[in-house]
Amino acid sequence: MDTVREVVQGTAADRVFGAPIMQDGLTVLPVARVSGGGGGGGGTGPAAEDAGDDAVASGFGGGVGVAAKPLGVFVIKNGDVRWRPAVDVNKVIIGGQIVVVAALLTVRAIIKARSRG
């Protein structure tokens, strides 16, 4: 139960909004997406045939997880607030690769169609 309590406390607003960083009249407030989940199980069932008459099958399991992803920062300067999103370079690279593959497949289909006709 203590672990579940720690997970719930870990998803509080102070985890989503990090501690403000202040320097030279500029304030930076980091923001992250924090999510969590958990599950559990249990069960009983027939014992294995060779285990004997007094053997009883049973089981139990559980798990808890928390994930945090940086989203960006709020930059506050002279009363002006601006949002600066965090860039996920991996998504940019994967997106570029998908576009290139789709373009190559399209060019290939066009070349095949012209060579038949």
Protein backbone atom coordinates (compact mmCIF):
# COMPACT_ATOMS: atom_id res chain seq x y z
CA MET A 1 0.00 0.00 0.00
CA ASP A 2 2.93 2.33 0.65
CA THR A 3 4.09 1.89 -2.93
CA VAL A 4 0.66 2.89 -4.28
CA ARG A 5 0.64 5.92 -1.99
CA GLU A 6 4.09 6.97 -3.30
CA VAL A 7 2.90 6.63 -6.91
CA VAL A 8 -0.15 8.80 -6.29
CA GLN A 9 1.99 11.43 -4.58
CA GLY A 10 4.43 11.26 -7.52
CA THR A 11 1.74 12.38 -9.95
CA ALA A 12 0.85 15.55 -8.03
CA ALA A 13 0.87 18.99 -9.66
CA ASP A 14 4.28 19.85 -8.25
CA ARG A 15 5.66 16.97 -10.34
CA VAL A 16 3.92 18.22 -13.49
CA PHE A 17 5.12 21.78 -12.99
CA GLY A 18 8.74 21.77 -11.92
CA ALA A 19 10.36 24.28 -9.60
CA PRO A 20 10.61 27.71 -11.25
CA ILE A 21 14.10 28.76 -12.29
CA MET A 22 14.69 32.51 -11.85
CA GLN A 23 17.65 34.51 -13.09
CA ASP A 24 18.12 38.11 -14.32
CA GLY A 25 14.39 38.89 -14.40
CA LEU A 26 13.60 35.73 -16.37
CA THR A 27 11.51 32.89 -14.94
CA VAL A 28 11.41 29.45 -16.53
CA LEU A 29 8.70 27.02 -15.42
CA PRO A 30 9.24 23.45 -16.71
CA VAL A 31 6.16 21.37 -17.56
CA ALA A 32 5.91 17.58 -17.96
CA ARG A 33 3.18 15.04 -18.57
CA VAL A 34 3.06 12.58 -15.70
CA SER A 35 0.99 9.43 -15.99
CA GLY A 36 0.68 6.31 -13.95
CA GLY A 37 -1.15 3.08 -13.71
CA GLY A 38 -1.37 -0.09 -11.77
CA GLY A 39 -2.98 -3.43 -11.71
CA GLY A 40 -3.24 -6.59 -9.76
CA GLY A 41 -4.47 -10.10 -10.01
CA GLY A 42 -5.03 -13.25 -8.15
CA GLY A 43 -6.46 -16.66 -8.60
CA THR A 44 -6.80 -20.24 -7.59
CA GLY A 45 -7.14 -23.25 -9.78
CA PRO A 46 -6.81 -26.98 -9.93
CA ALA A 47 -3.58 -28.36 -8.61
CA ALA A 48 -1.30 -30.32 -10.88
CA GLU A 49 -2.26 -33.98 -11.10
CA ASP A 50 1.03 -35.23 -9.69
CA ALA A 51 1.12 -32.75 -6.76
CA GLY A 52 -0.95 -34.83 -4.40
CA ASP A 53 -4.37 -34.46 -2.81
CA ASP A 54 -3.51 -31.68 -0.35
CA ALA A 55 -1.88 -29.35 -2.95
CA VAL A 56 -3.86 -26.25 -3.92
CA ALA A 57 -2.93 -23.97 -6.79
CA SER A 58 -3.05 -20.24 -6.15
CA GLY A 59 -1.43 -17.10 -7.42
CA PHE A 60 -1.22 -13.36 -7.04
CA GLY A 61 0.48 -10.52 -8.88
CA GLY A 62 0.54 -6.78 -9.11
CA GLY A 63 2.39 -3.85 -10.56
CA VAL A 64 2.59 -0.10 -10.54
CA GLY A 65 4.24 2.27 -12.99
CA VAL A 66 4.77 5.99 -13.47
CA ALA A 67 6.10 7.79 -16.53
CA ALA A 68 7.03 11.44 -17.06
CA LYS A 69 7.64 13.16 -20.38
CA PRO A 70 8.87 16.74 -20.71
CA LEU A 71 6.42 18.92 -22.66
CA GLY A 72 8.19 22.28 -22.60
CA VAL A 73 8.61 25.39 -20.50
CA PHE A 74 6.75 28.59 -19.77
CA VAL A 75 9.13 31.53 -20.09
CA ILE A 76 8.09 34.62 -18.11
CA LYS A 77 9.89 37.90 -18.74
CA ASN A 78 8.62 41.38 -17.88
CA GLY A 79 5.07 40.07 -17.36
CA ASP A 80 5.04 38.42 -20.82
CA VAL A 81 4.44 34.65 -20.80
CA ARG A 82 5.54 32.48 -23.73
CA TRP A 83 5.29 28.74 -24.26
CA ARG A 84 8.38 26.92 -25.58
CA PRO A 85 7.56 23.28 -26.44
CA ALA A 86 10.11 20.53 -25.98
CA VAL A 87 11.06 18.92 -29.28
CA ASP A 88 11.09 15.13 -29.38
CA VAL A 89 13.91 14.51 -31.85
CA ASN A 90 13.10 10.80 -32.10
CA LYS A 91 9.58 11.56 -33.37
CA VAL A 92 10.96 14.06 -35.89
CA ILE A 93 13.44 11.49 -37.23
CA ILE A 94 10.84 8.72 -37.45
CA GLY A 95 8.37 11.06 -39.15
CA GLY A 96 11.02 12.03 -41.71
CA GLN A 97 11.81 8.38 -42.41
CA ILE A 98 8.13 7.58 -42.97
CA VAL A 99 7.82 10.46 -45.45
CA VAL A 100 10.93 9.30 -47.36
CA VAL A 101 9.70 5.69 -47.55
CA ALA A 102 6.26 6.82 -48.75
CA ALA A 103 7.86 9.05 -51.40
CA LEU A 104 10.13 6.22 -52.63
CA LEU A 105 7.19 3.82 -52.87
CA THR A 106 5.18 6.41 -54.81
CA VAL A 107 8.05 7.07 -57.25
CA ARG A 108 8.49 3.31 -57.71
CA ALA A 109 4.78 2.87 -58.48
CA ILE A 110 4.88 5.72 -61.02
CA ILE A 111 7.95 4.28 -62.75
CA LYS A 112 6.36 0.81 -62.95
CA ALA A 113 3.12 2.25 -64.36
CA ARG A 114 5.00 4.19 -67.07
CA SER A 115 7.14 1.21 -68.05
CA ARG A 116 4.01 -0.95 -68.63
CA GLY A 117 2.23 1.63 -70.74
